[in-house]
Amino acid sequence: MAQNAIAAILSAETAPIQALFLNAVARWRAAGLAVCGLIEESDGPAESRCSAGSLRNLVTGERFAMYLDEPPAHTSCHLDELGVTAAGESVLDQIAGSDVVVLSKFGKVEAVGSGLFCAFEAAGALGKPVITSVAPKHSYPWERFAPTATMIRAQQAEIDGWWKSIAPAVLRQGLAASGR
């Protein structure tokens, strides 16, 4: 029985998860799949500031800053919500033509309907498979947003197993959409 087309890795560790996603993207593309989405990249040593760096669009290579040098007056967080939202909007036109969507993270801005939320919604509306990560502190809003999502461990074999469980349906959908 196929798992859900939405998978999430529950982890607070960003860099190892993004490396797993990049590996999966390379493998899927080598197999001829169309992949779109966003990968988080660090812009400096993690100990010098929060983990926010930039988001890179997997199709265009465009980078979107996620870090503010000075946080807004109402918070101590340096996360650039507008940069994250712009990154999410940059993939909207790519989702329909993709076989799988990789979205770096469902975090605090997505939990309130901002940031990459528009990309999550668009992929869901089109029935596209999505893989993402969720920090444990954001698991409740994630579960409210995607209650039937498949939770997987941060291992390449888990990503491969999730994809293998949904690939036949995804590929059938792609063939039907193309008229083949």
N, C-alpha and C. Protein backbone atom coordinates (compact mmCIF):
# COMPACT_ATOMS: atom_id res chain seq x y z
N MET A 1 0.84 -1.17 0.00
CA MET A 1 0.00 0.00 0.00
C MET A 1 0.88 1.24 0.00
N ALA A 2 0.61 2.18 -0.86
CA ALA A 2 1.42 3.38 -0.98
C ALA A 2 1.26 4.27 0.23
N GLN A 3 2.35 4.91 0.59
CA GLN A 3 2.32 5.88 1.66
C GLN A 3 1.79 7.20 1.11
N ASN A 4 1.65 8.17 1.99
CA ASN A 4 1.20 9.49 1.61
C ASN A 4 2.23 10.17 0.72
N ALA A 5 1.75 11.01 -0.19
CA ALA A 5 2.65 11.72 -1.10
C ALA A 5 3.37 12.87 -0.43
N ILE A 6 3.10 13.11 0.84
CA ILE A 6 3.83 14.13 1.59
C ILE A 6 4.66 13.41 2.65
N ALA A 7 5.97 13.68 2.65
CA ALA A 7 6.85 13.08 3.64
C ALA A 7 7.61 14.17 4.36
N ALA A 8 7.85 13.95 5.64
CA ALA A 8 8.61 14.91 6.44
C ALA A 8 9.59 14.18 7.33
N ILE A 9 10.75 14.79 7.46
CA ILE A 9 11.76 14.31 8.39
C ILE A 9 11.68 15.22 9.61
N LEU A 10 11.42 14.63 10.76
CA LEU A 10 11.34 15.39 12.00
C LEU A 10 12.75 15.51 12.57
N SER A 11 13.33 16.71 12.46
CA SER A 11 14.70 16.92 12.92
C SER A 11 14.99 18.40 13.06
N ALA A 12 15.78 18.76 14.06
CA ALA A 12 16.20 20.14 14.24
C ALA A 12 17.52 20.41 13.52
N GLU A 13 18.17 19.37 13.02
CA GLU A 13 19.46 19.52 12.35
C GLU A 13 19.25 19.85 10.88
N THR A 14 19.65 21.04 10.48
CA THR A 14 19.37 21.49 9.13
C THR A 14 20.36 20.93 8.10
N ALA A 15 21.65 21.12 8.32
CA ALA A 15 22.66 20.78 7.30
C ALA A 15 22.59 19.31 6.86
N PRO A 16 22.51 18.34 7.78
CA PRO A 16 22.45 16.95 7.33
C PRO A 16 21.19 16.63 6.51
N ILE A 17 20.08 17.26 6.86
CA ILE A 17 18.83 17.03 6.14
C ILE A 17 18.94 17.60 4.73
N GLN A 18 19.48 18.80 4.61
CA GLN A 18 19.61 19.42 3.30
C GLN A 18 20.56 18.60 2.42
N ALA A 19 21.59 18.00 3.00
CA ALA A 19 22.50 17.13 2.25
C ALA A 19 21.76 15.89 1.75
N LEU A 20 20.90 15.32 2.58
CA LEU A 20 20.09 14.18 2.14
C LEU A 20 19.17 14.57 0.99
N PHE A 21 18.56 15.75 1.10
CA PHE A 21 17.68 16.22 0.03
C PHE A 21 18.46 16.41 -1.27
N LEU A 22 19.64 17.00 -1.20
CA LEU A 22 20.45 17.20 -2.41
C LEU A 22 20.83 15.88 -3.05
N ASN A 23 21.14 14.89 -2.23
CA ASN A 23 21.46 13.56 -2.75
C ASN A 23 20.23 12.97 -3.45
N ALA A 24 19.08 13.09 -2.84
CA ALA A 24 17.85 12.57 -3.44
C ALA A 24 17.55 13.29 -4.75
N VAL A 25 17.71 14.61 -4.77
CA VAL A 25 17.47 15.39 -5.99
C VAL A 25 18.38 14.89 -7.12
N ALA A 26 19.65 14.70 -6.83
CA ALA A 26 20.59 14.23 -7.84
C ALA A 26 20.18 12.86 -8.38
N ARG A 27 19.77 11.98 -7.49
CA ARG A 27 19.36 10.63 -7.91
C ARG A 27 18.08 10.67 -8.73
N TRP A 28 17.10 11.47 -8.29
CA TRP A 28 15.84 11.57 -9.03
C TRP A 28 16.07 12.17 -10.41
N ARG A 29 16.89 13.19 -10.49
CA ARG A 29 17.17 13.80 -11.79
C ARG A 29 17.91 12.83 -12.70
N ALA A 30 18.83 12.06 -12.14
CA ALA A 30 19.56 11.06 -12.94
C ALA A 30 18.60 10.00 -13.49
N ALA A 31 17.49 9.77 -12.78
CA ALA A 31 16.48 8.80 -13.23
C ALA A 31 15.47 9.45 -14.18
N GLY A 32 15.68 10.73 -14.52
CA GLY A 32 14.82 11.40 -15.49
C GLY A 32 13.62 12.12 -14.90
N LEU A 33 13.58 12.28 -13.59
CA LEU A 33 12.44 12.96 -12.96
C LEU A 33 12.65 14.47 -12.94
N ALA A 34 11.56 15.18 -13.04
CA ALA A 34 11.59 16.64 -12.92
C ALA A 34 11.42 16.99 -11.44
N VAL A 35 12.40 17.68 -10.89
CA VAL A 35 12.40 18.02 -9.47
C VAL A 35 12.48 19.54 -9.34
N CYS A 36 11.64 20.09 -8.49
CA CYS A 36 11.73 21.52 -8.18
C CYS A 36 11.69 21.69 -6.68
N GLY A 37 11.96 22.90 -6.26
CA GLY A 37 11.88 23.19 -4.83
C GLY A 37 12.99 24.09 -4.36
N LEU A 38 13.25 24.03 -3.06
CA LEU A 38 14.20 24.91 -2.41
C LEU A 38 15.05 24.15 -1.41
N ILE A 39 16.35 24.44 -1.42
CA ILE A 39 17.29 23.85 -0.48
C ILE A 39 17.87 24.98 0.35
N GLU A 40 17.99 24.76 1.65
CA GLU A 40 18.60 25.75 2.52
C GLU A 40 20.11 25.59 2.49
N GLU A 41 20.79 26.72 2.38
CA GLU A 41 22.26 26.73 2.39
C GLU A 41 22.73 27.69 3.47
N SER A 42 23.74 27.27 4.20
CA SER A 42 24.31 28.12 5.25
C SER A 42 25.21 29.16 4.61
N ASP A 43 25.19 30.35 5.15
CA ASP A 43 26.04 31.42 4.63
C ASP A 43 27.19 31.75 5.57
N GLY A 44 27.42 30.91 6.55
CA GLY A 44 28.50 31.19 7.48
C GLY A 44 28.46 30.24 8.65
N PRO A 45 29.36 30.43 9.59
CA PRO A 45 29.41 29.54 10.75
C PRO A 45 28.13 29.63 11.59
N ALA A 46 27.56 28.49 11.90
CA ALA A 46 26.29 28.44 12.63
C ALA A 46 26.39 29.08 14.00
N GLU A 47 27.55 29.02 14.63
CA GLU A 47 27.66 29.57 15.98
C GLU A 47 27.63 31.10 16.00
N SER A 48 27.79 31.72 14.83
CA SER A 48 27.83 33.18 14.81
C SER A 48 26.43 33.81 14.75
N ARG A 49 25.43 33.03 14.41
CA ARG A 49 24.07 33.54 14.31
C ARG A 49 23.10 32.38 14.20
N CYS A 50 21.84 32.67 14.03
CA CYS A 50 20.88 31.57 13.87
C CYS A 50 21.22 30.79 12.60
N SER A 51 20.59 29.68 12.40
CA SER A 51 20.95 28.82 11.29
C SER A 51 20.51 29.34 9.93
N ALA A 52 19.76 30.44 9.92
CA ALA A 52 19.27 30.98 8.65
C ALA A 52 20.42 31.42 7.77
N GLY A 53 20.37 31.06 6.51
CA GLY A 53 21.35 31.48 5.52
C GLY A 53 20.61 31.95 4.30
N SER A 54 20.47 31.03 3.33
CA SER A 54 19.71 31.36 2.14
C SER A 54 18.99 30.13 1.64
N LEU A 55 18.02 30.36 0.79
CA LEU A 55 17.32 29.28 0.11
C LEU A 55 17.69 29.35 -1.36
N ARG A 56 18.01 28.19 -1.94
CA ARG A 56 18.36 28.14 -3.36
C ARG A 56 17.28 27.40 -4.13
N ASN A 57 16.78 28.05 -5.18
CA ASN A 57 15.80 27.43 -6.07
C ASN A 57 16.51 26.33 -6.85
N LEU A 58 16.00 25.11 -6.79
CA LEU A 58 16.65 23.96 -7.43
C LEU A 58 16.60 24.00 -8.95
N VAL A 59 15.69 24.76 -9.53
CA VAL A 59 15.58 24.85 -10.99
C VAL A 59 16.41 26.01 -11.53
N THR A 60 16.27 27.18 -10.94
CA THR A 60 16.93 28.37 -11.48
C THR A 60 18.29 28.65 -10.84
N GLY A 61 18.53 28.11 -9.65
CA GLY A 61 19.75 28.41 -8.92
C GLY A 61 19.71 29.73 -8.16
N GLU A 62 18.62 30.48 -8.32
CA GLU A 62 18.50 31.77 -7.64
C GLU A 62 18.52 31.55 -6.12
N ARG A 63 19.21 32.47 -5.43
CA ARG A 63 19.31 32.39 -3.98
C ARG A 63 18.50 33.51 -3.34
N PHE A 64 17.87 33.18 -2.22
CA PHE A 64 17.04 34.11 -1.47
C PHE A 64 17.56 34.18 -0.04
N ALA A 65 17.91 35.38 0.40
CA ALA A 65 18.42 35.57 1.76
C ALA A 65 17.33 35.25 2.77
N MET A 66 17.74 34.62 3.85
CA MET A 66 16.82 34.31 4.94
C MET A 66 17.26 34.97 6.24
N TYR A 67 18.32 35.75 6.19
CA TYR A 67 18.90 36.30 7.40
C TYR A 67 18.92 37.82 7.34
N LEU A 68 18.44 38.44 8.41
CA LEU A 68 18.49 39.89 8.55
C LEU A 68 19.64 40.24 9.50
N ASP A 69 20.45 41.21 9.12
CA ASP A 69 21.52 41.64 10.02
C ASP A 69 20.96 42.19 11.33
N GLU A 70 19.87 42.91 11.23
CA GLU A 70 19.19 43.44 12.41
C GLU A 70 17.78 42.88 12.46
N PRO A 71 17.39 42.24 13.56
CA PRO A 71 16.03 41.70 13.64
C PRO A 71 15.00 42.82 13.74
N PRO A 72 13.77 42.56 13.32
CA PRO A 72 12.71 43.55 13.49
C PRO A 72 12.54 43.89 14.97
N ALA A 73 12.00 45.07 15.24
CA ALA A 73 11.86 45.56 16.62
C ALA A 73 11.06 44.62 17.52
N HIS A 74 10.10 43.90 16.97
CA HIS A 74 9.21 43.07 17.78
C HIS A 74 9.77 41.69 18.12
N THR A 75 11.00 41.38 17.67
CA THR A 75 11.55 40.05 17.90
C THR A 75 13.07 40.09 17.95
N SER A 76 13.66 39.02 18.46
CA SER A 76 15.11 38.89 18.43
C SER A 76 15.56 37.95 17.31
N CYS A 77 14.59 37.43 16.57
CA CYS A 77 14.88 36.48 15.49
C CYS A 77 15.37 37.23 14.25
N HIS A 78 16.42 36.72 13.65
CA HIS A 78 17.01 37.34 12.46
C HIS A 78 16.45 36.76 11.16
N LEU A 79 15.47 35.90 11.24
CA LEU A 79 14.91 35.28 10.04
C LEU A 79 14.19 36.32 9.19
N ASP A 80 14.52 36.34 7.90
CA ASP A 80 13.91 37.27 6.95
C ASP A 80 12.68 36.62 6.33
N GLU A 81 11.53 36.87 6.92
CA GLU A 81 10.29 36.25 6.45
C GLU A 81 9.98 36.62 5.01
N LEU A 82 10.28 37.84 4.62
CA LEU A 82 10.02 38.26 3.23
C LEU A 82 10.91 37.51 2.25
N GLY A 83 12.15 37.24 2.63
CA GLY A 83 13.05 36.46 1.78
C GLY A 83 12.56 35.03 1.61
N VAL A 84 12.09 34.44 2.69
CA VAL A 84 11.56 33.08 2.64
C VAL A 84 10.30 33.04 1.78
N THR A 85 9.45 34.03 1.94
CA THR A 85 8.23 34.09 1.13
C THR A 85 8.55 34.26 -0.35
N ALA A 86 9.51 35.11 -0.67
CA ALA A 86 9.92 35.29 -2.08
C ALA A 86 10.45 33.98 -2.64
N ALA A 87 11.20 33.24 -1.85
CA ALA A 87 11.71 31.94 -2.29
C ALA A 87 10.54 31.00 -2.59
N GLY A 88 9.58 30.94 -1.69
CA GLY A 88 8.41 30.08 -1.92
C GLY A 88 7.66 30.45 -3.18
N GLU A 89 7.50 31.74 -3.41
CA GLU A 89 6.81 32.20 -4.62
C GLU A 89 7.59 31.88 -5.89
N SER A 90 8.93 31.78 -5.77
CA SER A 90 9.76 31.52 -6.95
C SER A 90 9.55 30.13 -7.53
N VAL A 91 9.01 29.20 -6.76
CA VAL A 91 8.81 27.84 -7.26
C VAL A 91 7.39 27.56 -7.72
N LEU A 92 6.49 28.50 -7.49
CA LEU A 92 5.08 28.23 -7.78
C LEU A 92 4.84 27.82 -9.23
N ASP A 93 5.46 28.48 -10.18
CA ASP A 93 5.26 28.15 -11.60
C ASP A 93 5.97 26.86 -12.01
N GLN A 94 6.84 26.33 -11.17
CA GLN A 94 7.60 25.12 -11.48
C GLN A 94 6.90 23.85 -10.98
N ILE A 95 6.01 23.99 -10.04
CA ILE A 95 5.42 22.83 -9.38
C ILE A 95 4.59 21.97 -10.33
N ALA A 96 3.78 22.58 -11.17
CA ALA A 96 2.90 21.81 -12.07
C ALA A 96 3.68 20.87 -12.98
N GLY A 97 4.86 21.28 -13.41
CA GLY A 97 5.65 20.45 -14.32
C GLY A 97 6.62 19.51 -13.63
N SER A 98 6.53 19.43 -12.34
CA SER A 98 7.48 18.59 -11.60
C SER A 98 6.89 17.22 -11.26
N ASP A 99 7.79 16.30 -11.01
CA ASP A 99 7.39 14.97 -10.52
C ASP A 99 7.44 14.91 -9.00
N VAL A 100 8.33 15.71 -8.42
CA VAL A 100 8.49 15.74 -6.96
C VAL A 100 8.97 17.14 -6.56
N VAL A 101 8.50 17.58 -5.39
CA VAL A 101 8.83 18.91 -4.87
C VAL A 101 9.60 18.74 -3.56
N VAL A 102 10.74 19.41 -3.47
CA VAL A 102 11.56 19.39 -2.26
C VAL A 102 11.48 20.78 -1.64
N LEU A 103 10.95 20.86 -0.44
CA LEU A 103 10.86 22.14 0.26
C LEU A 103 11.66 22.02 1.56
N SER A 104 12.67 22.81 1.69
CA SER A 104 13.67 22.65 2.74
C SER A 104 13.11 22.44 4.14
N LYS A 105 12.06 23.18 4.47
CA LYS A 105 11.61 23.12 5.86
C LYS A 105 10.21 23.70 6.01
N PHE A 106 9.47 23.12 6.94
CA PHE A 106 8.23 23.70 7.43
C PHE A 106 8.58 24.20 8.82
N GLY A 107 8.69 25.53 8.96
CA GLY A 107 9.13 26.11 10.22
C GLY A 107 8.14 27.11 10.77
N LYS A 108 8.68 28.05 11.53
CA LYS A 108 7.79 28.97 12.25
C LYS A 108 7.01 29.90 11.33
N VAL A 109 7.59 30.32 10.22
CA VAL A 109 6.82 31.22 9.34
C VAL A 109 5.76 30.43 8.56
N GLU A 110 6.04 29.19 8.23
CA GLU A 110 5.03 28.36 7.56
C GLU A 110 3.90 28.02 8.52
N ALA A 111 4.23 27.86 9.78
CA ALA A 111 3.22 27.53 10.79
C ALA A 111 2.14 28.60 10.90
N VAL A 112 2.46 29.83 10.49
CA VAL A 112 1.47 30.91 10.52
C VAL A 112 1.01 31.29 9.12
N GLY A 113 1.26 30.42 8.14
CA GLY A 113 0.75 30.64 6.78
C GLY A 113 1.59 31.54 5.93
N SER A 114 2.87 31.70 6.23
CA SER A 114 3.75 32.57 5.45
C SER A 114 4.94 31.75 4.95
N GLY A 115 5.98 32.41 4.50
CA GLY A 115 7.18 31.72 4.05
C GLY A 115 6.92 30.80 2.87
N LEU A 116 7.26 29.54 3.02
CA LEU A 116 7.08 28.55 1.96
C LEU A 116 5.67 27.98 1.92
N PHE A 117 4.80 28.47 2.76
CA PHE A 117 3.45 27.92 2.87
C PHE A 117 2.75 27.89 1.51
N CYS A 118 2.93 28.94 0.70
CA CYS A 118 2.28 29.00 -0.61
C CYS A 118 2.73 27.84 -1.50
N ALA A 119 3.99 27.45 -1.40
CA ALA A 119 4.50 26.32 -2.20
C ALA A 119 3.94 25.00 -1.68
N PHE A 120 3.85 24.85 -0.37
CA PHE A 120 3.24 23.64 0.20
C PHE A 120 1.79 23.52 -0.28
N GLU A 121 1.05 24.62 -0.23
CA GLU A 121 -0.35 24.60 -0.66
C GLU A 121 -0.48 24.29 -2.15
N ALA A 122 0.36 24.91 -2.97
CA ALA A 122 0.28 24.69 -4.42
C ALA A 122 0.58 23.24 -4.76
N ALA A 123 1.60 22.68 -4.15
CA ALA A 123 1.95 21.28 -4.41
C ALA A 123 0.81 20.36 -3.97
N GLY A 124 0.22 20.65 -2.82
CA GLY A 124 -0.89 19.84 -2.35
C GLY A 124 -2.09 19.93 -3.27
N ALA A 125 -2.40 21.13 -3.73
CA ALA A 125 -3.55 21.32 -4.62
C ALA A 125 -3.37 20.58 -5.94
N LEU A 126 -2.12 20.44 -6.38
CA LEU A 126 -1.83 19.74 -7.64
C LEU A 126 -1.55 18.26 -7.42
N GLY A 127 -1.57 17.80 -6.17
CA GLY A 127 -1.31 16.40 -5.87
C GLY A 127 0.13 15.98 -6.09
N LYS A 128 1.05 16.92 -5.99
CA LYS A 128 2.47 16.62 -6.20
C LYS A 128 3.10 16.08 -4.93
N PRO A 129 3.98 15.09 -5.05
CA PRO A 129 4.70 14.61 -3.88
C PRO A 129 5.62 15.71 -3.34
N VAL A 130 5.66 15.82 -2.03
CA VAL A 130 6.50 16.82 -1.36
C VAL A 130 7.31 16.12 -0.28
N ILE A 131 8.58 16.48 -0.21
CA ILE A 131 9.40 16.04 0.92
C ILE A 131 9.96 17.29 1.58
N THR A 132 9.97 17.28 2.92
CA THR A 132 10.39 18.44 3.68
C THR A 132 10.97 17.98 5.01
N SER A 133 11.36 18.95 5.82
CA SER A 133 11.78 18.66 7.19
C SER A 133 10.97 19.55 8.12
N VAL A 134 10.85 19.10 9.35
CA VAL A 134 10.10 19.83 10.37
C VAL A 134 10.87 19.73 11.68
N ALA A 135 11.16 20.88 12.26
CA ALA A 135 11.79 20.88 13.59
C ALA A 135 10.78 20.38 14.61
N PRO A 136 11.22 19.62 15.59
CA PRO A 136 10.28 19.11 16.59
C PRO A 136 9.40 20.19 17.21
N LYS A 137 9.93 21.39 17.41
CA LYS A 137 9.12 22.44 18.05
C LYS A 137 7.99 22.93 17.14
N HIS A 138 8.01 22.55 15.87
CA HIS A 138 6.95 22.93 14.94
C HIS A 138 6.10 21.73 14.50
N SER A 139 6.23 20.64 15.22
CA SER A 139 5.50 19.43 14.81
C SER A 139 3.98 19.58 14.96
N TYR A 140 3.52 20.31 15.95
CA TYR A 140 2.07 20.47 16.09
C TYR A 140 1.46 21.23 14.92
N PRO A 141 1.99 22.41 14.54
CA PRO A 141 1.41 23.07 13.36
C PRO A 141 1.55 22.23 12.09
N TRP A 142 2.65 21.48 11.99
CA TRP A 142 2.83 20.62 10.82
C TRP A 142 1.73 19.57 10.78
N GLU A 143 1.47 18.93 11.90
CA GLU A 143 0.44 17.88 11.95
C GLU A 143 -0.94 18.44 11.66
N ARG A 144 -1.18 19.69 12.02
CA ARG A 144 -2.46 20.32 11.68
C ARG A 144 -2.54 20.60 10.19
N PHE A 145 -1.42 21.00 9.59
CA PHE A 145 -1.39 21.29 8.16
C PHE A 145 -1.45 20.01 7.33
N ALA A 146 -0.67 19.01 7.70
CA ALA A 146 -0.57 17.76 6.93
C ALA A 146 -0.77 16.56 7.84
N PRO A 147 -1.99 16.33 8.31
CA PRO A 147 -2.23 15.28 9.30
C PRO A 147 -1.94 13.86 8.80
N THR A 148 -1.96 13.66 7.49
CA THR A 148 -1.71 12.31 6.97
C THR A 148 -0.32 12.15 6.39
N ALA A 149 0.55 13.13 6.60
CA ALA A 149 1.92 13.04 6.06
C ALA A 149 2.65 11.84 6.64
N THR A 150 3.53 11.30 5.84
CA THR A 150 4.38 10.20 6.27
C THR A 150 5.61 10.78 6.96
N MET A 151 5.88 10.35 8.16
CA MET A 151 7.08 10.80 8.88
C MET A 151 8.17 9.76 8.64
N ILE A 152 9.33 10.24 8.20
CA ILE A 152 10.44 9.33 7.92
C ILE A 152 11.68 9.78 8.70
N ARG A 153 12.59 8.85 8.90
CA ARG A 153 13.85 9.17 9.58
C ARG A 153 14.82 9.82 8.60
N ALA A 154 15.80 10.50 9.13
CA ALA A 154 16.80 11.21 8.34
C ALA A 154 17.85 10.23 7.81
N GLN A 155 17.40 9.40 6.88
CA GLN A 155 18.28 8.40 6.25
C GLN A 155 17.91 8.29 4.78
N GLN A 156 18.91 8.13 3.93
CA GLN A 156 18.65 8.03 2.49
C GLN A 156 17.73 6.84 2.19
N ALA A 157 17.91 5.75 2.91
CA ALA A 157 17.06 4.58 2.68
C ALA A 157 15.59 4.88 2.98
N GLU A 158 15.33 5.74 3.95
CA GLU A 158 13.95 6.12 4.28
C GLU A 158 13.36 6.97 3.15
N ILE A 159 14.15 7.91 2.63
CA ILE A 159 13.69 8.72 1.50
C ILE A 159 13.41 7.84 0.30
N ASP A 160 14.33 6.92 0.02
CA ASP A 160 14.15 5.99 -1.10
C ASP A 160 12.91 5.13 -0.91
N GLY A 161 12.68 4.66 0.31
CA GLY A 161 11.50 3.84 0.58
C GLY A 161 10.21 4.61 0.39
N TRP A 162 10.20 5.87 0.85
CA TRP A 162 9.02 6.70 0.65
C TRP A 162 8.78 6.88 -0.85
N TRP A 163 9.82 7.24 -1.59
CA TRP A 163 9.64 7.47 -3.03
C TRP A 163 9.17 6.19 -3.73
N LYS A 164 9.76 5.08 -3.38
CA LYS A 164 9.39 3.81 -4.01
C LYS A 164 7.92 3.48 -3.76
N SER A 165 7.41 3.86 -2.59
CA SER A 165 6.02 3.55 -2.26
C SER A 165 5.02 4.42 -3.03
N ILE A 166 5.44 5.59 -3.48
CA ILE A 166 4.51 6.47 -4.19
C ILE A 166 4.82 6.62 -5.67
N ALA A 167 6.01 6.22 -6.10
CA ALA A 167 6.44 6.43 -7.48
C ALA A 167 5.48 5.86 -8.53
N PRO A 168 4.96 4.66 -8.38
CA PRO A 168 4.05 4.15 -9.42
C PRO A 168 2.86 5.08 -9.66
N ALA A 169 2.25 5.55 -8.59
CA ALA A 169 1.10 6.46 -8.74
C ALA A 169 1.52 7.79 -9.35
N VAL A 170 2.67 8.30 -8.94
CA VAL A 170 3.17 9.58 -9.46
C VAL A 170 3.45 9.45 -10.96
N LEU A 171 4.10 8.37 -11.33
CA LEU A 171 4.45 8.20 -12.74
C LEU A 171 3.21 7.97 -13.59
N ARG A 172 2.21 7.24 -13.07
CA ARG A 172 0.94 7.07 -13.80
C ARG A 172 0.26 8.42 -13.99
N GLN A 173 0.25 9.25 -12.96
CA GLN A 173 -0.36 10.57 -13.03
C GLN A 173 0.35 11.42 -14.08
N GLY A 174 1.68 11.35 -14.12
CA GLY A 174 2.46 12.11 -15.10
C GLY A 174 2.17 11.66 -16.52
N LEU A 175 2.05 10.37 -16.73
CA LEU A 175 1.74 9.85 -18.07
C LEU A 175 0.34 10.27 -18.50
N ALA A 176 -0.61 10.22 -17.57
CA ALA A 176 -1.98 10.62 -17.91
C ALA A 176 -2.04 12.10 -18.25
N ALA A 177 -1.31 12.91 -17.50
CA ALA A 177 -1.32 14.35 -17.74
C ALA A 177 -0.69 14.70 -19.08
N SER A 178 0.28 13.90 -19.51
CA SER A 178 0.96 14.18 -20.77
C SER A 178 0.24 13.54 -21.97
N GLY A 179 -0.79 12.75 -21.69
CA GLY A 179 -1.57 12.11 -22.76
C GLY A 179 -0.94 10.86 -23.32
N ARG A 180 0.06 10.32 -22.61
CA ARG A 180 0.72 9.09 -23.08
C ARG A 180 0.03 7.85 -22.60
